[in-house]
Amino acid sequence: MTPASFVPLLLAAIVWTGFWRINRTRNWFTIGEVIFWDVIVLIVIQLVWLRWF
């Protein structure tokens, strides 16, 4: 396992932080929905990451 394997997880954490900050001010989603959309983004990031590397 190399440090590069943590990049998709780090990117997903950054996206989750952004979703959470936006949702904290606007209250559009529940925390479960924020986690759901972050998982979708993590899957997309992982697929792109695996395609390129």
PDB file of N, CA and C in Angstrom:
ATOM      1  N   MET A   1       0.853  -1.167   0.000  1.00  0.00           N
ATOM      2  CA  MET A   1       0.000   0.000   0.000  1.00  0.00           C
ATOM      3  C   MET A   1       0.904   1.238   0.000  1.00  0.00           C
ATOM      4  N   THR A   2       0.656   2.104  -0.945  1.00  0.00           N
ATOM      5  CA  THR A   2       1.462   3.304  -1.064  1.00  0.00           C
ATOM      6  C   THR A   2       0.677   4.511  -0.552  1.00  0.00           C
ATOM      7  N   PRO A   3       1.361   5.614  -0.264  1.00  0.00           N
ATOM      8  CA  PRO A   3       0.651   6.825   0.152  1.00  0.00           C
ATOM      9  C   PRO A   3      -0.319   7.343  -0.909  1.00  0.00           C
ATOM     10  N   ALA A   4      -0.049   7.051  -2.175  1.00  0.00           N
ATOM     11  CA  ALA A   4      -0.948   7.492  -3.254  1.00  0.00           C
ATOM     12  C   ALA A   4      -2.317   6.830  -3.161  1.00  0.00           C
ATOM     13  N   SER A   5      -2.405   5.694  -2.492  1.00  0.00           N
ATOM     14  CA  SER A   5      -3.697   5.026  -2.379  1.00  0.00           C
ATOM     15  C   SER A   5      -4.655   5.770  -1.451  1.00  0.00           C
ATOM     16  N   PHE A   6      -4.144   6.690  -0.662  1.00  0.00           N
ATOM     17  CA  PHE A   6      -5.001   7.465   0.241  1.00  0.00           C
ATOM     18  C   PHE A   6      -5.540   8.741  -0.391  1.00  0.00           C
ATOM     19  N   VAL A   7      -5.093   9.067  -1.595  1.00  0.00           N
ATOM     20  CA  VAL A   7      -5.532  10.299  -2.251  1.00  0.00           C
ATOM     21  C   VAL A   7      -7.042  10.321  -2.479  1.00  0.00           C
ATOM     22  N   PRO A   8      -7.677   9.259  -3.017  1.00  0.00           N
ATOM     23  CA  PRO A   8      -9.133   9.301  -3.183  1.00  0.00           C
ATOM     24  C   PRO A   8      -9.880   9.502  -1.865  1.00  0.00           C
ATOM     25  N   LEU A   9      -9.402   8.865  -0.815  1.00  0.00           N
ATOM     26  CA  LEU A   9     -10.040   9.028   0.489  1.00  0.00           C
ATOM     27  C   LEU A   9      -9.880  10.455   1.001  1.00  0.00           C
ATOM     28  N   LEU A  10      -8.713  11.032   0.796  1.00  0.00           N
ATOM     29  CA  LEU A  10      -8.479  12.419   1.195  1.00  0.00           C
ATOM     30  C   LEU A  10      -9.363  13.372   0.399  1.00  0.00           C
ATOM     31  N   LEU A  11      -9.494  13.139  -0.904  1.00  0.00           N
ATOM     32  CA  LEU A  11     -10.372  13.972  -1.722  1.00  0.00           C
ATOM     33  C   LEU A  11     -11.830  13.860  -1.268  1.00  0.00           C
ATOM     34  N   ALA A  12     -12.266  12.656  -0.926  1.00  0.00           N
ATOM     35  CA  ALA A  12     -13.635  12.467  -0.439  1.00  0.00           C
ATOM     36  C   ALA A  12     -13.841  13.181   0.890  1.00  0.00           C
ATOM     37  N   ALA A  13     -12.824  13.189   1.745  1.00  0.00           N
ATOM     38  CA  ALA A  13     -12.930  13.917   3.019  1.00  0.00           C
ATOM     39  C   ALA A  13     -13.049  15.417   2.782  1.00  0.00           C
ATOM     40  N   ILE A  14     -12.323  15.925   1.801  1.00  0.00           N
ATOM     41  CA  ILE A  14     -12.412  17.349   1.465  1.00  0.00           C
ATOM     42  C   ILE A  14     -13.802  17.685   0.927  1.00  0.00           C
ATOM     43  N   VAL A  15     -14.341  16.809   0.063  1.00  0.00           N
ATOM     44  CA  VAL A  15     -15.689  17.021  -0.473  1.00  0.00           C
ATOM     45  C   VAL A  15     -16.715  16.976   0.649  1.00  0.00           C
ATOM     46  N   TRP A  16     -16.578  16.021   1.577  1.00  0.00           N
ATOM     47  CA  TRP A  16     -17.518  15.929   2.694  1.00  0.00           C
ATOM     48  C   TRP A  16     -17.482  17.196   3.537  1.00  0.00           C
ATOM     49  N   THR A  17     -16.286  17.708   3.791  1.00  0.00           N
ATOM     50  CA  THR A  17     -16.164  18.948   4.564  1.00  0.00           C
ATOM     51  C   THR A  17     -16.871  20.093   3.860  1.00  0.00           C
ATOM     52  N   GLY A  18     -16.712  20.170   2.548  1.00  0.00           N
ATOM     53  CA  GLY A  18     -17.403  21.216   1.786  1.00  0.00           C
ATOM     54  C   GLY A  18     -18.911  21.057   1.843  1.00  0.00           C
ATOM     55  N   PHE A  19     -19.404  19.820   1.639  1.00  0.00           N
ATOM     56  CA  PHE A  19     -20.844  19.562   1.748  1.00  0.00           C
ATOM     57  C   PHE A  19     -21.359  19.939   3.128  1.00  0.00           C
ATOM     58  N   TRP A  20     -20.621  19.572   4.148  1.00  0.00           N
ATOM     59  CA  TRP A  20     -21.065  19.818   5.516  1.00  0.00           C
ATOM     60  C   TRP A  20     -21.128  21.325   5.806  1.00  0.00           C
ATOM     61  N   ARG A  21     -20.121  22.068   5.351  1.00  0.00           N
ATOM     62  CA  ARG A  21     -20.122  23.516   5.588  1.00  0.00           C
ATOM     63  C   ARG A  21     -21.273  24.204   4.863  1.00  0.00           C
ATOM     64  N   ILE A  22     -21.514  23.818   3.620  1.00  0.00           N
ATOM     65  CA  ILE A  22     -22.632  24.402   2.874  1.00  0.00           C
ATOM     66  C   ILE A  22     -23.950  24.042   3.539  1.00  0.00           C
ATOM     67  N   ASN A  23     -24.091  22.788   3.937  1.00  0.00           N
ATOM     68  CA  ASN A  23     -25.337  22.340   4.550  1.00  0.00           C
ATOM     69  C   ASN A  23     -25.543  22.955   5.933  1.00  0.00           C
ATOM     70  N   ARG A  24     -24.464  23.255   6.632  1.00  0.00           N
ATOM     71  CA  ARG A  24     -24.590  23.857   7.962  1.00  0.00           C
ATOM     72  C   ARG A  24     -25.247  25.233   7.881  1.00  0.00           C
ATOM     73  N   THR A  25     -24.950  25.973   6.819  1.00  0.00           N
ATOM     74  CA  THR A  25     -25.527  27.316   6.694  1.00  0.00           C
ATOM     75  C   THR A  25     -26.915  27.291   6.061  1.00  0.00           C
ATOM     76  N   ARG A  26     -27.177  26.333   5.169  1.00  0.00           N
ATOM     77  CA  ARG A  26     -28.439  26.331   4.426  1.00  0.00           C
ATOM     78  C   ARG A  26     -29.442  25.281   4.898  1.00  0.00           C
ATOM     79  N   ASN A  27     -28.994  24.244   5.585  1.00  0.00           N
ATOM     80  CA  ASN A  27     -29.852  23.171   6.098  1.00  0.00           C
ATOM     81  C   ASN A  27     -30.725  22.537   5.018  1.00  0.00           C
ATOM     82  N   TRP A  28     -30.127  22.234   3.887  1.00  0.00           N
ATOM     83  CA  TRP A  28     -30.861  21.581   2.809  1.00  0.00           C
ATOM     84  C   TRP A  28     -31.021  20.092   3.048  1.00  0.00           C
ATOM     85  N   PHE A  29     -30.026  19.435   3.642  1.00  0.00           N
ATOM     86  CA  PHE A  29     -30.019  17.983   3.762  1.00  0.00           C
ATOM     87  C   PHE A  29     -29.843  17.553   5.215  1.00  0.00           C
ATOM     88  N   THR A  30     -30.234  16.308   5.487  1.00  0.00           N
ATOM     89  CA  THR A  30     -29.908  15.711   6.779  1.00  0.00           C
ATOM     90  C   THR A  30     -28.472  15.210   6.706  1.00  0.00           C
ATOM     91  N   ILE A  31     -27.893  14.854   7.838  1.00  0.00           N
ATOM     92  CA  ILE A  31     -26.516  14.366   7.847  1.00  0.00           C
ATOM     93  C   ILE A  31     -26.404  13.056   7.068  1.00  0.00           C
ATOM     94  N   GLY A  32     -27.458  12.240   7.094  1.00  0.00           N
ATOM     95  CA  GLY A  32     -27.454  10.993   6.328  1.00  0.00           C
ATOM     96  C   GLY A  32     -27.390  11.242   4.830  1.00  0.00           C
ATOM     97  N   GLU A  33     -28.087  12.271   4.369  1.00  0.00           N
ATOM     98  CA  GLU A  33     -28.039  12.608   2.945  1.00  0.00           C
ATOM     99  C   GLU A  33     -26.675  13.161   2.548  1.00  0.00           C
ATOM    100  N   VAL A  34     -26.057  13.923   3.438  1.00  0.00           N
ATOM    101  CA  VAL A  34     -24.711  14.428   3.162  1.00  0.00           C
ATOM    102  C   VAL A  34     -23.737  13.256   3.038  1.00  0.00           C
ATOM    103  N   ILE A  35     -23.852  12.284   3.938  1.00  0.00           N
ATOM    104  CA  ILE A  35     -22.990  11.106   3.880  1.00  0.00           C
ATOM    105  C   ILE A  35     -23.275  10.305   2.611  1.00  0.00           C
ATOM    106  N   PHE A  36     -24.540  10.163   2.242  1.00  0.00           N
ATOM    107  CA  PHE A  36     -24.901   9.440   1.024  1.00  0.00           C
ATOM    108  C   PHE A  36     -24.250  10.066  -0.197  1.00  0.00           C
ATOM    109  N   TRP A  37     -24.381  11.376  -0.351  1.00  0.00           N
ATOM    110  CA  TRP A  37     -23.802  12.037  -1.524  1.00  0.00           C
ATOM    111  C   TRP A  37     -22.287  12.000  -1.483  1.00  0.00           C
ATOM    112  N   ASP A  38     -21.703  12.023  -0.298  1.00  0.00           N
ATOM    113  CA  ASP A  38     -20.253  11.909  -0.215  1.00  0.00           C
ATOM    114  C   ASP A  38     -19.792  10.518  -0.644  1.00  0.00           C
ATOM    115  N   VAL A  39     -20.553   9.503  -0.330  1.00  0.00           N
ATOM    116  CA  VAL A  39     -20.212   8.145  -0.772  1.00  0.00           C
ATOM    117  C   VAL A  39     -20.289   8.054  -2.296  1.00  0.00           C
ATOM    118  N   ILE A  40     -21.298   8.683  -2.882  1.00  0.00           N
ATOM    119  CA  ILE A  40     -21.403   8.697  -4.343  1.00  0.00           C
ATOM    120  C   ILE A  40     -20.181   9.375  -4.940  1.00  0.00           C
ATOM    121  N   VAL A  41     -19.771  10.510  -4.371  1.00  0.00           N
ATOM    122  CA  VAL A  41     -18.587  11.219  -4.858  1.00  0.00           C
ATOM    123  C   VAL A  41     -17.339  10.361  -4.656  1.00  0.00           C
ATOM    124  N   LEU A  42     -17.232   9.670  -3.527  1.00  0.00           N
ATOM    125  CA  LEU A  42     -16.084   8.799  -3.279  1.00  0.00           C
ATOM    126  C   LEU A  42     -15.998   7.688  -4.329  1.00  0.00           C
ATOM    127  N   ILE A  43     -17.127   7.109  -4.693  1.00  0.00           N
ATOM    128  CA  ILE A  43     -17.133   6.061  -5.715  1.00  0.00           C
ATOM    129  C   ILE A  43     -16.666   6.620  -7.054  1.00  0.00           C
ATOM    130  N   VAL A  44     -17.143   7.800  -7.424  1.00  0.00           N
ATOM    131  CA  VAL A  44     -16.719   8.419  -8.684  1.00  0.00           C
ATOM    132  C   VAL A  44     -15.227   8.725  -8.652  1.00  0.00           C
ATOM    133  N   ILE A  45     -14.748   9.290  -7.548  1.00  0.00           N
ATOM    134  CA  ILE A  45     -13.319   9.587  -7.423  1.00  0.00           C
ATOM    135  C   ILE A  45     -12.507   8.307  -7.523  1.00  0.00           C
ATOM    136  N   GLN A  46     -12.957   7.260  -6.873  1.00  0.00           N
ATOM    137  CA  GLN A  46     -12.242   5.981  -6.898  1.00  0.00           C
ATOM    138  C   GLN A  46     -12.191   5.408  -8.308  1.00  0.00           C
ATOM    139  N   LEU A  47     -13.299   5.486  -9.035  1.00  0.00           N
ATOM    140  CA  LEU A  47     -13.317   4.977 -10.405  1.00  0.00           C
ATOM    141  C   LEU A  47     -12.387   5.774 -11.305  1.00  0.00           C
ATOM    142  N   VAL A  48     -12.392   7.091 -11.163  1.00  0.00           N
ATOM    143  CA  VAL A  48     -11.493   7.932 -11.960  1.00  0.00           C
ATOM    144  C   VAL A  48     -10.052   7.634 -11.581  1.00  0.00           C
ATOM    145  N   TRP A  49      -9.789   7.501 -10.308  1.00  0.00           N
ATOM    146  CA  TRP A  49      -8.432   7.231  -9.823  1.00  0.00           C
ATOM    147  C   TRP A  49      -7.924   5.893 -10.374  1.00  0.00           C
ATOM    148  N   LEU A  50      -8.773   4.872 -10.350  1.00  0.00           N
ATOM    149  CA  LEU A  50      -8.366   3.562 -10.850  1.00  0.00           C
ATOM    150  C   LEU A  50      -8.178   3.557 -12.375  1.00  0.00           C
ATOM    151  N   ARG A  51      -8.942   4.379 -13.049  1.00  0.00           N
ATOM    152  CA  ARG A  51      -8.836   4.468 -14.514  1.00  0.00           C
ATOM    153  C   ARG A  51      -7.503   5.121 -14.901  1.00  0.00           C
ATOM    154  N   TRP A  52      -7.116   6.178 -14.177  1.00  0.00           N
ATOM    155  CA  TRP A  52      -5.910   6.925 -14.526  1.00  0.00           C
ATOM    156  C   TRP A  52      -4.651   6.260 -14.020  1.00  0.00           C
ATOM    157  N   PHE A  53      -4.744   5.555 -12.900  1.00  0.00           N
ATOM    158  CA  PHE A  53      -3.536   4.956 -12.326  1.00  0.00           C
ATOM    159  C   PHE A  53      -3.679   3.464 -12.321  1.00  0.00           C
TER     160      PHE A  53
END
